[in-house]
Structure formats: structure tokens, C-alpha cells
Amino acid sequence: MQSITPLETQGLMKNDFAVVLDVREESEVKEGMIQGAQWMAKSKIDANAPEWKAFLDKHPKDKEIILYCRSGHRSGIVADALAEKGYKVSNLGGFNTWQAAGLPTVKSP
């Protein structure tokens, strides 16, 4: 698993080379999200929820999955697990890194 910068992430998203996944819990997502990101709480991932299985089923292993959370710790855990399964993944780190770069955010779903 590799780290990635906000600007690199934005470029990959714009060119449809990557999907960005927010793994924070519902209470944290209320702070906002990266514009264009999808959301799947780590608790749902850990429980292997049907939504998580559906997410993985529709994403080919050659399309990068870029993960983030509040600090980068949980997203790193999920990224490592996905990498072991053969997915191309990167860890953006924390949501605050994106905000500090002045990149677009949206209110939570």
C-alpha cells in the first residue's frame, strides 16, 4: 500500500482512474466528505456487510481505490487488507489533509 497526495488523488479522480472511499463512521462524515468520494464505514467493512461486497464486486482490481479516514490509520488498515486481495490501493490519510489542500468537499450524504 502506498501513500498518495491530495493533488494526485484529484487528478486520478478527474480522469476516472480511481475511486475514493471514505471509511469514517457516520458521526465523522457529518464534518463533510471529499467531493466525488463514496462512503463505507469501516465498521461495515469489518462486518463484511452486503454493501461492502457489492462495492468490491463492481470495482475491477486494476482501478485504484484511494482510501481516507480521520487520521489515515483506519484507511491504512483497509488498504492493506485490500492490497492482500490483489486490489490496487493507496492511502490518502486524513480528511484534514484534503481540506488543508483547499480541494472541494461536500456535506455528508
PDB file of N, CA and C in Angstrom:
ATOM      1  N   MET A   1       0.853  -1.173   0.000  1.00  0.00           N
ATOM      2  CA  MET A   1       0.000   0.000   0.000  1.00  0.00           C
ATOM      3  C   MET A   1       0.895   1.230   0.000  1.00  0.00           C
ATOM      4  N   GLN A   2       0.509   2.194  -0.794  1.00  0.00           N
ATOM      5  CA  GLN A   2       1.301   3.411  -0.891  1.00  0.00           C
ATOM      6  C   GLN A   2       0.489   4.618  -0.434  1.00  0.00           C
ATOM      7  N   SER A   3       1.193   5.671  -0.086  1.00  0.00           N
ATOM      8  CA  SER A   3       0.551   6.935   0.248  1.00  0.00           C
ATOM      9  C   SER A   3       0.370   7.734  -1.031  1.00  0.00           C
ATOM     10  N   ILE A   4      -0.580   8.666  -1.012  1.00  0.00           N
ATOM     11  CA  ILE A   4      -0.868   9.489  -2.174  1.00  0.00           C
ATOM     12  C   ILE A   4      -1.242  10.885  -1.698  1.00  0.00           C
ATOM     13  N   THR A   5      -0.910  11.898  -2.474  1.00  0.00           N
ATOM     14  CA  THR A   5      -1.220  13.274  -2.087  1.00  0.00           C
ATOM     15  C   THR A   5      -2.629  13.650  -2.540  1.00  0.00           C
ATOM     16  N   PRO A   6      -3.184  14.698  -1.938  1.00  0.00           N
ATOM     17  CA  PRO A   6      -4.493  15.167  -2.389  1.00  0.00           C
ATOM     18  C   PRO A   6      -4.515  15.552  -3.872  1.00  0.00           C
ATOM     19  N   LEU A   7      -3.478  16.232  -4.363  1.00  0.00           N
ATOM     20  CA  LEU A   7      -3.477  16.639  -5.770  1.00  0.00           C
ATOM     21  C   LEU A   7      -3.386  15.435  -6.707  1.00  0.00           C
ATOM     22  N   GLU A   8      -2.595  14.433  -6.344  1.00  0.00           N
ATOM     23  CA  GLU A   8      -2.533  13.205  -7.148  1.00  0.00           C
ATOM     24  C   GLU A   8      -3.901  12.520  -7.162  1.00  0.00           C
ATOM     25  N   THR A   9      -4.537  12.496  -6.001  1.00  0.00           N
ATOM     26  CA  THR A   9      -5.862  11.882  -5.886  1.00  0.00           C
ATOM     27  C   THR A   9      -6.859  12.596  -6.776  1.00  0.00           C
ATOM     28  N   GLN A  10      -6.855  13.911  -6.722  1.00  0.00           N
ATOM     29  CA  GLN A  10      -7.796  14.689  -7.526  1.00  0.00           C
ATOM     30  C   GLN A  10      -7.606  14.401  -9.023  1.00  0.00           C
ATOM     31  N   GLY A  11      -6.368  14.315  -9.465  1.00  0.00           N
ATOM     32  CA  GLY A  11      -6.089  14.024 -10.870  1.00  0.00           C
ATOM     33  C   GLY A  11      -6.593  12.650 -11.284  1.00  0.00           C
ATOM     34  N   LEU A  12      -6.381  11.654 -10.430  1.00  0.00           N
ATOM     35  CA  LEU A  12      -6.848  10.304 -10.741  1.00  0.00           C
ATOM     36  C   LEU A  12      -8.370  10.237 -10.776  1.00  0.00           C
ATOM     37  N   MET A  13      -9.023  10.971  -9.868  1.00  0.00           N
ATOM     38  CA  MET A  13     -10.485  11.008  -9.853  1.00  0.00           C
ATOM     39  C   MET A  13     -11.026  11.667 -11.120  1.00  0.00           C
ATOM     40  N   LYS A  14     -10.434  12.796 -11.497  1.00  0.00           N
ATOM     41  CA  LYS A  14     -10.920  13.534 -12.672  1.00  0.00           C
ATOM     42  C   LYS A  14     -10.816  12.703 -13.939  1.00  0.00           C
ATOM     43  N   ASN A  15      -9.799  11.858 -14.026  1.00  0.00           N
ATOM     44  CA  ASN A  15      -9.587  11.036 -15.215  1.00  0.00           C
ATOM     45  C   ASN A  15     -10.207   9.642 -15.088  1.00  0.00           C
ATOM     46  N   ASP A  16     -10.976   9.425 -14.022  1.00  0.00           N
ATOM     47  CA  ASP A  16     -11.674   8.165 -13.779  1.00  0.00           C
ATOM     48  C   ASP A  16     -10.722   6.969 -13.673  1.00  0.00           C
ATOM     49  N   PHE A  17      -9.531   7.215 -13.116  1.00  0.00           N
ATOM     50  CA  PHE A  17      -8.568   6.137 -12.899  1.00  0.00           C
ATOM     51  C   PHE A  17      -8.652   5.574 -11.484  1.00  0.00           C
ATOM     52  N   ALA A  18      -9.438   6.242 -10.636  1.00  0.00           N
ATOM     53  CA  ALA A  18      -9.521   5.811  -9.242  1.00  0.00           C
ATOM     54  C   ALA A  18     -10.880   6.158  -8.660  1.00  0.00           C
ATOM     55  N   VAL A  19     -11.236   5.417  -7.632  1.00  0.00           N
ATOM     56  CA  VAL A  19     -12.402   5.714  -6.821  1.00  0.00           C
ATOM     57  C   VAL A  19     -11.874   6.051  -5.426  1.00  0.00           C
ATOM     58  N   VAL A  20     -12.463   7.070  -4.809  1.00  0.00           N
ATOM     59  CA  VAL A  20     -12.050   7.480  -3.468  1.00  0.00           C
ATOM     60  C   VAL A  20     -13.100   6.988  -2.481  1.00  0.00           C
ATOM     61  N   LEU A  21     -12.628   6.363  -1.406  1.00  0.00           N
ATOM     62  CA  LEU A  21     -13.529   5.769  -0.426  1.00  0.00           C
ATOM     63  C   LEU A  21     -13.231   6.312   0.972  1.00  0.00           C
ATOM     64  N   ASP A  22     -14.248   6.895   1.565  1.00  0.00           N
ATOM     65  CA  ASP A  22     -14.205   7.419   2.930  1.00  0.00           C
ATOM     66  C   ASP A  22     -14.622   6.289   3.860  1.00  0.00           C
ATOM     67  N   VAL A  23     -13.753   5.901   4.801  1.00  0.00           N
ATOM     68  CA  VAL A  23     -14.073   4.786   5.703  1.00  0.00           C
ATOM     69  C   VAL A  23     -14.384   5.261   7.121  1.00  0.00           C
ATOM     70  N   ARG A  24     -14.652   6.569   7.275  1.00  0.00           N
ATOM     71  CA  ARG A  24     -15.010   7.083   8.602  1.00  0.00           C
ATOM     72  C   ARG A  24     -16.414   6.628   8.977  1.00  0.00           C
ATOM     73  N   GLU A  25     -16.702   6.704  10.256  1.00  0.00           N
ATOM     74  CA  GLU A  25     -18.027   6.337  10.748  1.00  0.00           C
ATOM     75  C   GLU A  25     -19.003   7.494  10.521  1.00  0.00           C
ATOM     76  N   GLU A  26     -20.292   7.199  10.653  1.00  0.00           N
ATOM     77  CA  GLU A  26     -21.339   8.174  10.322  1.00  0.00           C
ATOM     78  C   GLU A  26     -21.182   9.493  11.070  1.00  0.00           C
ATOM     79  N   SER A  27     -20.842   9.446  12.347  1.00  0.00           N
ATOM     80  CA  SER A  27     -20.704  10.681  13.123  1.00  0.00           C
ATOM     81  C   SER A  27     -19.576  11.563  12.582  1.00  0.00           C
ATOM     82  N   GLU A  28     -18.531  10.959  12.016  1.00  0.00           N
ATOM     83  CA  GLU A  28     -17.401  11.714  11.471  1.00  0.00           C
ATOM     84  C   GLU A  28     -17.715  12.301  10.098  1.00  0.00           C
ATOM     85  N   VAL A  29     -18.496  11.601   9.322  1.00  0.00           N
ATOM     86  CA  VAL A  29     -18.816  12.035   7.958  1.00  0.00           C
ATOM     87  C   VAL A  29     -19.651  13.313   7.984  1.00  0.00           C
ATOM     88  N   LYS A  30     -20.291  13.587   9.105  1.00  0.00           N
ATOM     89  CA  LYS A  30     -21.080  14.817   9.231  1.00  0.00           C
ATOM     90  C   LYS A  30     -20.216  16.064   9.071  1.00  0.00           C
ATOM     91  N   GLU A  31     -18.886  15.917   9.220  1.00  0.00           N
ATOM     92  CA  GLU A  31     -17.954  17.037   9.031  1.00  0.00           C
ATOM     93  C   GLU A  31     -17.810  17.411   7.557  1.00  0.00           C
ATOM     94  N   GLY A  32     -18.268  16.519   6.681  1.00  0.00           N
ATOM     95  CA  GLY A  32     -18.120  16.711   5.245  1.00  0.00           C
ATOM     96  C   GLY A  32     -17.320  15.574   4.651  1.00  0.00           C
ATOM     97  N   MET A  33     -17.283  15.555   3.316  1.00  0.00           N
ATOM     98  CA  MET A  33     -16.574  14.500   2.591  1.00  0.00           C
ATOM     99  C   MET A  33     -15.861  15.100   1.399  1.00  0.00           C
ATOM    100  N   ILE A  34     -14.945  14.353   0.845  1.00  0.00           N
ATOM    101  CA  ILE A  34     -14.298  14.739  -0.401  1.00  0.00           C
ATOM    102  C   ILE A  34     -15.346  14.680  -1.507  1.00  0.00           C
ATOM    103  N   GLN A  35     -15.410  15.737  -2.295  1.00  0.00           N
ATOM    104  CA  GLN A  35     -16.358  15.756  -3.406  1.00  0.00           C
ATOM    105  C   GLN A  35     -16.047  14.607  -4.363  1.00  0.00           C
ATOM    106  N   GLY A  36     -17.049  13.793  -4.650  1.00  0.00           N
ATOM    107  CA  GLY A  36     -16.879  12.661  -5.550  1.00  0.00           C
ATOM    108  C   GLY A  36     -16.522  11.357  -4.860  1.00  0.00           C
ATOM    109  N   ALA A  37     -16.286  11.408  -3.550  1.00  0.00           N
ATOM    110  CA  ALA A  37     -15.942  10.187  -2.809  1.00  0.00           C
ATOM    111  C   ALA A  37     -17.187   9.363  -2.518  1.00  0.00           C
ATOM    112  N   GLN A  38     -16.960   8.077  -2.312  1.00  0.00           N
ATOM    113  CA  GLN A  38     -18.007   7.186  -1.830  1.00  0.00           C
ATOM    114  C   GLN A  38     -17.757   6.958  -0.346  1.00  0.00           C
ATOM    115  N   TRP A  39     -18.778   6.491   0.353  1.00  0.00           N
ATOM    116  CA  TRP A  39     -18.647   6.285   1.789  1.00  0.00           C
ATOM    117  C   TRP A  39     -19.019   4.863   2.164  1.00  0.00           C
ATOM    118  N   MET A  40     -18.141   4.246   2.958  1.00  0.00           N
ATOM    119  CA  MET A  40     -18.405   2.924   3.514  1.00  0.00           C
ATOM    120  C   MET A  40     -17.699   2.882   4.867  1.00  0.00           C
ATOM    121  N   ALA A  41     -18.466   2.970   5.936  1.00  0.00           N
ATOM    122  CA  ALA A  41     -17.883   2.972   7.281  1.00  0.00           C
ATOM    123  C   ALA A  41     -17.048   1.711   7.505  1.00  0.00           C
ATOM    124  N   LYS A  42     -15.908   1.876   8.178  1.00  0.00           N
ATOM    125  CA  LYS A  42     -15.038   0.731   8.448  1.00  0.00           C
ATOM    126  C   LYS A  42     -15.774  -0.348   9.227  1.00  0.00           C
ATOM    127  N   SER A  43     -16.713   0.037  10.073  1.00  0.00           N
ATOM    128  CA  SER A  43     -17.476  -0.970  10.822  1.00  0.00           C
ATOM    129  C   SER A  43     -18.260  -1.877   9.865  1.00  0.00           C
ATOM    130  N   LYS A  44     -18.759  -1.322   8.753  1.00  0.00           N
ATOM    131  CA  LYS A  44     -19.459  -2.146   7.753  1.00  0.00           C
ATOM    132  C   LYS A  44     -18.466  -3.031   6.998  1.00  0.00           C
ATOM    133  N   ILE A  45     -17.285  -2.481   6.742  1.00  0.00           N
ATOM    134  CA  ILE A  45     -16.249  -3.263   6.066  1.00  0.00           C
ATOM    135  C   ILE A  45     -15.836  -4.435   6.949  1.00  0.00           C
ATOM    136  N   ASP A  46     -15.603  -4.141   8.234  1.00  0.00           N
ATOM    137  CA  ASP A  46     -15.200  -5.184   9.180  1.00  0.00           C
ATOM    138  C   ASP A  46     -16.262  -6.276   9.306  1.00  0.00           C
ATOM    139  N   ALA A  47     -17.537  -5.886   9.188  1.00  0.00           N
ATOM    140  CA  ALA A  47     -18.640  -6.846   9.290  1.00  0.00           C
ATOM    141  C   ALA A  47     -18.905  -7.555   7.966  1.00  0.00           C
ATOM    142  N   ASN A  48     -18.144  -7.188   6.918  1.00  0.00           N
ATOM    143  CA  ASN A  48     -18.342  -7.750   5.582  1.00  0.00           C
ATOM    144  C   ASN A  48     -19.792  -7.589   5.136  1.00  0.00           C
ATOM    145  N   ALA A  49     -20.314  -6.394   5.350  1.00  0.00           N
ATOM    146  CA  ALA A  49     -21.705  -6.070   5.025  1.00  0.00           C
ATOM    147  C   ALA A  49     -21.976  -6.265   3.538  1.00  0.00           C
ATOM    148  N   PRO A  50     -23.236  -6.544   3.178  1.00  0.00           N
ATOM    149  CA  PRO A  50     -23.588  -6.718   1.762  1.00  0.00           C
ATOM    150  C   PRO A  50     -23.183  -5.523   0.893  1.00  0.00           C
ATOM    151  N   GLU A  51     -23.274  -4.311   1.450  1.00  0.00           N
ATOM    152  CA  GLU A  51     -22.884  -3.114   0.693  1.00  0.00           C
ATOM    153  C   GLU A  51     -21.392  -3.146   0.346  1.00  0.00           C
ATOM    154  N   TRP A  52     -20.592  -3.675   1.257  1.00  0.00           N
ATOM    155  CA  TRP A  52     -19.148  -3.775   1.029  1.00  0.00           C
ATOM    156  C   TRP A  52     -18.869  -4.793  -0.077  1.00  0.00           C
ATOM    157  N   LYS A  53     -19.541  -5.928  -0.012  1.00  0.00           N
ATOM    158  CA  LYS A  53     -19.375  -6.947  -1.058  1.00  0.00           C
ATOM    159  C   LYS A  53     -19.774  -6.377  -2.414  1.00  0.00           C
ATOM    160  N   ALA A  54     -20.870  -5.614  -2.449  1.00  0.00           N
ATOM    161  CA  ALA A  54     -21.340  -5.013  -3.701  1.00  0.00           C
ATOM    162  C   ALA A  54     -20.324  -4.002  -4.231  1.00  0.00           C
ATOM    163  N   PHE A  55     -19.731  -3.221  -3.328  1.00  0.00           N
ATOM    164  CA  PHE A  55     -18.708  -2.249  -3.735  1.00  0.00           C
ATOM    165  C   PHE A  55     -17.541  -2.970  -4.407  1.00  0.00           C
ATOM    166  N   LEU A  56     -17.053  -4.015  -3.781  1.00  0.00           N
ATOM    167  CA  LEU A  56     -15.912  -4.755  -4.331  1.00  0.00           C
ATOM    168  C   LEU A  56     -16.261  -5.445  -5.643  1.00  0.00           C
ATOM    169  N   ASP A  57     -17.475  -5.965  -5.733  1.00  0.00           N
ATOM    170  CA  ASP A  57     -17.894  -6.662  -6.956  1.00  0.00           C
ATOM    171  C   ASP A  57     -17.922  -5.737  -8.166  1.00  0.00           C
ATOM    172  N   LYS A  58     -18.237  -4.468  -7.950  1.00  0.00           N
ATOM    173  CA  LYS A  58     -18.356  -3.561  -9.104  1.00  0.00           C
ATOM    174  C   LYS A  58     -17.063  -2.804  -9.419  1.00  0.00           C
ATOM    175  N   HIS A  59     -16.016  -3.015  -8.639  1.00  0.00           N
ATOM    176  CA  HIS A  59     -14.748  -2.326  -8.885  1.00  0.00           C
ATOM    177  C   HIS A  59     -13.671  -3.304  -9.339  1.00  0.00           C
ATOM    178  N   PRO A  60     -13.225  -3.166 -10.582  1.00  0.00           N
ATOM    179  CA  PRO A  60     -12.165  -4.050 -11.069  1.00  0.00           C
ATOM    180  C   PRO A  60     -10.877  -3.840 -10.275  1.00  0.00           C
ATOM    181  N   LYS A  61     -10.091  -4.877 -10.166  1.00  0.00           N
ATOM    182  CA  LYS A  61      -8.868  -4.809  -9.364  1.00  0.00           C
ATOM    183  C   LYS A  61      -7.806  -3.899  -9.964  1.00  0.00           C
ATOM    184  N   ASP A  62      -7.942  -3.535 -11.239  1.00  0.00           N
ATOM    185  CA  ASP A  62      -6.942  -2.647 -11.835  1.00  0.00           C
ATOM    186  C   ASP A  62      -7.289  -1.170 -11.691  1.00  0.00           C
ATOM    187  N   LYS A  63      -8.481  -0.856 -11.165  1.00  0.00           N
ATOM    188  CA  LYS A  63      -8.847   0.538 -10.906  1.00  0.00           C
ATOM    189  C   LYS A  63      -8.496   0.846  -9.449  1.00  0.00           C
ATOM    190  N   GLU A  64      -7.711   1.866  -9.268  1.00  0.00           N
ATOM    191  CA  GLU A  64      -7.201   2.179  -7.929  1.00  0.00           C
ATOM    192  C   GLU A  64      -8.319   2.588  -6.977  1.00  0.00           C
ATOM    193  N   ILE A  65      -8.210   2.116  -5.744  1.00  0.00           N
ATOM    194  CA  ILE A  65      -9.105   2.530  -4.663  1.00  0.00           C
ATOM    195  C   ILE A  65      -8.259   3.353  -3.707  1.00  0.00           C
ATOM    196  N   ILE A  66      -8.632   4.614  -3.537  1.00  0.00           N
ATOM    197  CA  ILE A  66      -7.908   5.520  -2.643  1.00  0.00           C
ATOM    198  C   ILE A  66      -8.770   5.706  -1.400  1.00  0.00           C
ATOM    199  N   LEU A  67      -8.195   5.382  -0.250  1.00  0.00           N
ATOM    200  CA  LEU A  67      -8.952   5.411   0.997  1.00  0.00           C
ATOM    201  C   LEU A  67      -8.510   6.557   1.894  1.00  0.00           C
ATOM    202  N   TYR A  68      -9.458   7.033   2.696  1.00  0.00           N
ATOM    203  CA  TYR A  68      -9.115   8.017   3.729  1.00  0.00           C
ATOM    204  C   TYR A  68     -10.060   7.870   4.913  1.00  0.00           C
ATOM    205  N   CYS A  69      -9.611   8.395   6.055  1.00  0.00           N
ATOM    206  CA  CYS A  69     -10.423   8.427   7.265  1.00  0.00           C
ATOM    207  C   CYS A  69     -10.126   9.746   7.981  1.00  0.00           C
ATOM    208  N   ARG A  70     -10.102   9.747   9.289  1.00  0.00           N
ATOM    209  CA  ARG A  70      -9.802  10.984  10.015  1.00  0.00           C
ATOM    210  C   ARG A  70      -8.291  11.222  10.084  1.00  0.00           C
ATOM    211  N   SER A  71      -7.529  10.156  10.375  1.00  0.00           N
ATOM    212  CA  SER A  71      -6.086  10.327  10.568  1.00  0.00           C
ATOM    213  C   SER A  71      -5.224   9.535   9.583  1.00  0.00           C
ATOM    214  N   GLY A  72      -5.823   8.571   8.897  1.00  0.00           N
ATOM    215  CA  GLY A  72      -5.073   7.700   7.998  1.00  0.00           C
ATOM    216  C   GLY A  72      -4.837   6.315   8.560  1.00  0.00           C
ATOM    217  N   HIS A  73      -5.133   6.112   9.842  1.00  0.00           N
ATOM    218  CA  HIS A  73      -4.893   4.809  10.473  1.00  0.00           C
ATOM    219  C   HIS A  73      -5.870   3.744   9.964  1.00  0.00           C
ATOM    220  N   ARG A  74      -7.163   4.008  10.100  1.00  0.00           N
ATOM    221  CA  ARG A  74      -8.166   3.021   9.659  1.00  0.00           C
ATOM    222  C   ARG A  74      -8.108   2.803   8.151  1.00  0.00           C
ATOM    223  N   SER A  75      -7.909   3.890   7.398  1.00  0.00           N
ATOM    224  CA  SER A  75      -7.822   3.731   5.940  1.00  0.00           C
ATOM    225  C   SER A  75      -6.603   2.886   5.579  1.00  0.00           C
ATOM    226  N   GLY A  76      -5.535   2.994   6.347  1.00  0.00           N
ATOM    227  CA  GLY A  76      -4.353   2.169   6.118  1.00  0.00           C
ATOM    228  C   GLY A  76      -4.620   0.694   6.361  1.00  0.00           C
ATOM    229  N   ILE A  77      -5.392   0.398   7.386  1.00  0.00           N
ATOM    230  CA  ILE A  77      -5.746  -0.989   7.697  1.00  0.00           C
ATOM    231  C   ILE A  77      -6.571  -1.588   6.558  1.00  0.00           C
ATOM    232  N   VAL A  78      -7.571  -0.829   6.092  1.00  0.00           N
ATOM    233  CA  VAL A  78      -8.420  -1.315   4.999  1.00  0.00           C
ATOM    234  C   VAL A  78      -7.593  -1.444   3.719  1.00  0.00           C
ATOM    235  N   ALA A  79      -6.722  -0.474   3.459  1.00  0.00           N
ATOM    236  CA  ALA A  79      -5.885  -0.512   2.253  1.00  0.00           C
ATOM    237  C   ALA A  79      -4.985  -1.744   2.262  1.00  0.00           C
ATOM    238  N   ASP A  80      -4.385  -2.048   3.400  1.00  0.00           N
ATOM    239  CA  ASP A  80      -3.521  -3.233   3.499  1.00  0.00           C
ATOM    240  C   ASP A  80      -4.313  -4.512   3.213  1.00  0.00           C
ATOM    241  N   ALA A  81      -5.529  -4.591   3.763  1.00  0.00           N
ATOM    242  CA  ALA A  81      -6.362  -5.785   3.556  1.00  0.00           C
ATOM    243  C   ALA A  81      -6.749  -5.922   2.084  1.00  0.00           C
ATOM    244  N   LEU A  82      -7.068  -4.800   1.438  1.00  0.00           N
ATOM    245  CA  LEU A  82      -7.428  -4.844   0.016  1.00  0.00           C
ATOM    246  C   LEU A  82      -6.219  -5.210  -0.850  1.00  0.00           C
ATOM    247  N   ALA A  83      -5.059  -4.679  -0.491  1.00  0.00           N
ATOM    248  CA  ALA A  83      -3.836  -4.985  -1.244  1.00  0.00           C
ATOM    249  C   ALA A  83      -3.542  -6.480  -1.187  1.00  0.00           C
ATOM    250  N   GLU A  84      -3.775  -7.093  -0.030  1.00  0.00           N
ATOM    251  CA  GLU A  84      -3.559  -8.537   0.116  1.00  0.00           C
ATOM    252  C   GLU A  84      -4.483  -9.339  -0.792  1.00  0.00           C
ATOM    253  N   LYS A  85      -5.644  -8.765  -1.123  1.00  0.00           N
ATOM    254  CA  LYS A  85      -6.610  -9.433  -2.004  1.00  0.00           C
ATOM    255  C   LYS A  85      -6.359  -9.090  -3.471  1.00  0.00           C
ATOM    256  N   GLY A  86      -5.304  -8.318  -3.742  1.00  0.00           N
ATOM    257  CA  GLY A  86      -4.948  -8.031  -5.124  1.00  0.00           C
ATOM    258  C   GLY A  86      -5.474  -6.729  -5.687  1.00  0.00           C
ATOM    259  N   TYR A  87      -6.089  -5.898  -4.849  1.00  0.00           N
ATOM    260  CA  TYR A  87      -6.586  -4.605  -5.313  1.00  0.00           C
ATOM    261  C   TYR A  87      -5.451  -3.584  -5.352  1.00  0.00           C
ATOM    262  N   LYS A  88      -5.558  -2.653  -6.266  1.00  0.00           N
ATOM    263  CA  LYS A  88      -4.613  -1.540  -6.359  1.00  0.00           C
ATOM    264  C   LYS A  88      -5.140  -0.455  -5.421  1.00  0.00           C
ATOM    265  N   VAL A  89      -4.388  -0.147  -4.377  1.00  0.00           N
ATOM    266  CA  VAL A  89      -4.875   0.781  -3.350  1.00  0.00           C
ATOM    267  C   VAL A  89      -3.818   1.808  -2.959  1.00  0.00           C
ATOM    268  N   SER A  90      -4.303   2.932  -2.462  1.00  0.00           N
ATOM    269  CA  SER A  90      -3.452   3.956  -1.872  1.00  0.00           C
ATOM    270  C   SER A  90      -4.164   4.526  -0.661  1.00  0.00           C
ATOM    271  N   ASN A  91      -3.385   5.079   0.256  1.00  0.00           N
ATOM    272  CA  ASN A  91      -3.927   5.701   1.459  1.00  0.00           C
ATOM    273  C   ASN A  91      -3.694   7.201   1.376  1.00  0.00           C
ATOM    274  N   LEU A  92      -4.782   7.954   1.280  1.00  0.00           N
ATOM    275  CA  LEU A  92      -4.713   9.414   1.253  1.00  0.00           C
ATOM    276  C   LEU A  92      -4.418   9.965   2.645  1.00  0.00           C
ATOM    277  N   GLY A  93      -4.775   9.222   3.660  1.00  0.00           N
ATOM    278  CA  GLY A  93      -4.563   9.684   5.030  1.00  0.00           C
ATOM    279  C   GLY A  93      -5.847  10.243   5.609  1.00  0.00           C
ATOM    280  N   GLY A  94      -5.744  11.450   6.180  1.00  0.00           N
ATOM    281  CA  GLY A  94      -6.888  12.036   6.849  1.00  0.00           C
ATOM    282  C   GLY A  94      -7.627  13.060   6.008  1.00  0.00           C
ATOM    283  N   PHE A  95      -8.908  13.213   6.308  1.00  0.00           N
ATOM    284  CA  PHE A  95      -9.756  14.189   5.624  1.00  0.00           C
ATOM    285  C   PHE A  95      -9.171  15.592   5.735  1.00  0.00           C
ATOM    286  N   ASN A  96      -8.535  15.887   6.861  1.00  0.00           N
ATOM    287  CA  ASN A  96      -7.959  17.221   7.069  1.00  0.00           C
ATOM    288  C   ASN A  96      -6.849  17.532   6.059  1.00  0.00           C
ATOM    289  N   THR A  97      -6.167  16.511   5.552  1.00  0.00           N
ATOM    290  CA  THR A  97      -5.122  16.705   4.538  1.00  0.00           C
ATOM    291  C   THR A  97      -5.745  17.272   3.265  1.00  0.00           C
ATOM    292  N   TRP A  98      -6.887  16.719   2.890  1.00  0.00           N
ATOM    293  CA  TRP A  98      -7.623  17.189   1.707  1.00  0.00           C
ATOM    294  C   TRP A  98      -8.098  18.621   1.932  1.00  0.00           C
ATOM    295  N   GLN A  99      -8.676  18.888   3.104  1.00  0.00           N
ATOM    296  CA  GLN A  99      -9.175  20.226   3.425  1.00  0.00           C
ATOM    297  C   GLN A  99      -8.035  21.246   3.403  1.00  0.00           C
ATOM    298  N   ALA A 100      -6.887  20.866   3.960  1.00  0.00           N
ATOM    299  CA  ALA A 100      -5.733  21.778   4.014  1.00  0.00           C
ATOM    300  C   ALA A 100      -5.235  22.137   2.614  1.00  0.00           C
ATOM    301  N   ALA A 101      -5.449  21.234   1.656  1.00  0.00           N
ATOM    302  CA  ALA A 101      -5.045  21.493   0.274  1.00  0.00           C
ATOM    303  C   ALA A 101      -6.045  22.395  -0.441  1.00  0.00           C
ATOM    304  N   GLY A 102      -7.168  22.712   0.226  1.00  0.00           N
ATOM    305  CA  GLY A 102      -8.161  23.599  -0.355  1.00  0.00           C
ATOM    306  C   GLY A 102      -8.970  22.969  -1.480  1.00  0.00           C
ATOM    307  N   LEU A 103      -9.060  21.639  -1.465  1.00  0.00           N
ATOM    308  CA  LEU A 103      -9.787  20.927  -2.530  1.00  0.00           C
ATOM    309  C   LEU A 103     -11.259  20.772  -2.152  1.00  0.00           C
ATOM    310  N   PRO A 104     -12.117  20.512  -3.155  1.00  0.00           N
ATOM    311  CA  PRO A 104     -13.572  20.538  -2.918  1.00  0.00           C
ATOM    312  C   PRO A 104     -14.090  19.458  -1.981  1.00  0.00           C
ATOM    313  N   THR A 105     -14.988  19.889  -1.115  1.00  0.00           N
ATOM    314  CA  THR A 105     -15.679  18.990  -0.192  1.00  0.00           C
ATOM    315  C   THR A 105     -17.182  19.197  -0.343  1.00  0.00           C
ATOM    316  N   VAL A 106     -17.930  18.256   0.157  1.00  0.00           N
ATOM    317  CA  VAL A 106     -19.387  18.346   0.145  1.00  0.00           C
ATOM    318  C   VAL A 106     -19.909  17.957   1.522  1.00  0.00           C
ATOM    319  N   LYS A 107     -21.169  18.287   1.772  1.00  0.00           N
ATOM    320  CA  LYS A 107     -21.799  17.841   3.010  1.00  0.00           C
ATOM    321  C   LYS A 107     -22.066  16.351   2.911  1.00  0.00           C
ATOM    322  N   SER A 108     -22.139  15.700   4.041  1.00  0.00           N
ATOM    323  CA  SER A 108     -22.341  14.247   4.067  1.00  0.00           C
ATOM    324  C   SER A 108     -23.668  13.861   3.427  1.00  0.00           C
ATOM    325  N   PRO A 109     -23.750  12.627   2.940  1.00  0.00           N
ATOM    326  CA  PRO A 109     -24.980  12.157   2.285  1.00  0.00           C
ATOM    327  C   PRO A 109     -26.134  12.015   3.271  1.00  0.00           C
TER     328      PRO A 109
END
